[in-house]
Amino acid sequence: MTTGRRTLDPKLDIVFWMLFGEERNRALLISLLNAVLRPRVPIEGVEVLSSEPEKSMVGDKTIALDVRLSLASGEQVDIEMQSQRRRALPERILYYWARLYAGQLARGEDYGALRRCVVILFANFPMLVGRRFHSTFGACERHDAELLTDQLELHVLELPKLAAGLAGNDERSLELWGKFLAAATDDELETLAMTDPVLKDAKEALEGLSADPLARIRAEQRETALRAYQFEMGAAWHEGRAEGKAEGRAEGKAEVLRKQASLKFGALPDTAWQRIATASEAELDAWIERLLSADSLESLLAP
């Protein structure tokens, strides 16, 4: 659990599943969906398709626990919370969509029966180069952005970009939900609860879940499994260093530099993200050494 709170952390996938997959919290799930998808006609009812995670799934560090649901229109939505970076995450998101989409038809059925499928990913780490908190992807023509079909829709919400990424836009409901998920303390949750009745209900639901001894045990088991995964990935990365995998080293250094530069100078502009992402290992080494003495982002990334 996060320091400074007694409630369970919904950024942990099993807690997210227990909170939003529970029948009595259906109104919270619908509110979250409407905030992310912003449909022309508000969603009023959903059917959660995900079954109860087996005990082995909770402890399996390789499995991602998601909330899968069906709308009244026949459209299907898959929601996943990722608290830590995983390999090939963009490919994973696309695979989840393909699994939903292909699973709609039995052999011999007409393709016209296919309905739109949507994947929503909440990430508790920077994933994309841009500063946008909420990114939406579809099947568009590369040059003039003509939409081929609306059947493919992928949403990526990066919680660390919440403050900077929502500045000036009109996604008020999504901003509140983002703050709820990103909250580090119970005091933050209390403040949010006083601003919106839905978040007050969400806070009370989270408190009820956190008071359940079984839920806390499952959360602890899941957290332990994910820490093991993180350790193993770190060990694999160090092994890659020993074998001279320069690309892996550069990616790790770029991530460290982005985090440290963001802490010192605030949210990084798109140009800085792109420059760090495409820098050589030698450039990254020089910038990391210069970080403590640099008085501005410009001086840090100077040639």
Foldseek 3Di string as FASTA:
>chain_A
DFPAALFDACLQFLLVCVQCVDPVNVVLVQLLCCLQVVDPDRFDDKAWDDDDDDLVQLQAQVDWDWTWIAGPVREIEIEGRAADDDPPVVVVQVVVLVVVQVVPDDPPDDPVPTAAYEYEYEYQADDDLALAQKDKDAQADPPPRHHPDRSYIYIYGHLVSLVVNCPPDDSVSNSLVSQLNPPRHVVSLVVSCVVDVSSVVSSVSSVVLSVDPVSVVSSVSNVVSNVVVVVVVVVVLVVCVVVPVQVSVLVVLLRVLQVLCCVVANHDHSVLSVCSVPDGSVQSVQLVVCVVVDPHPCVSNPD
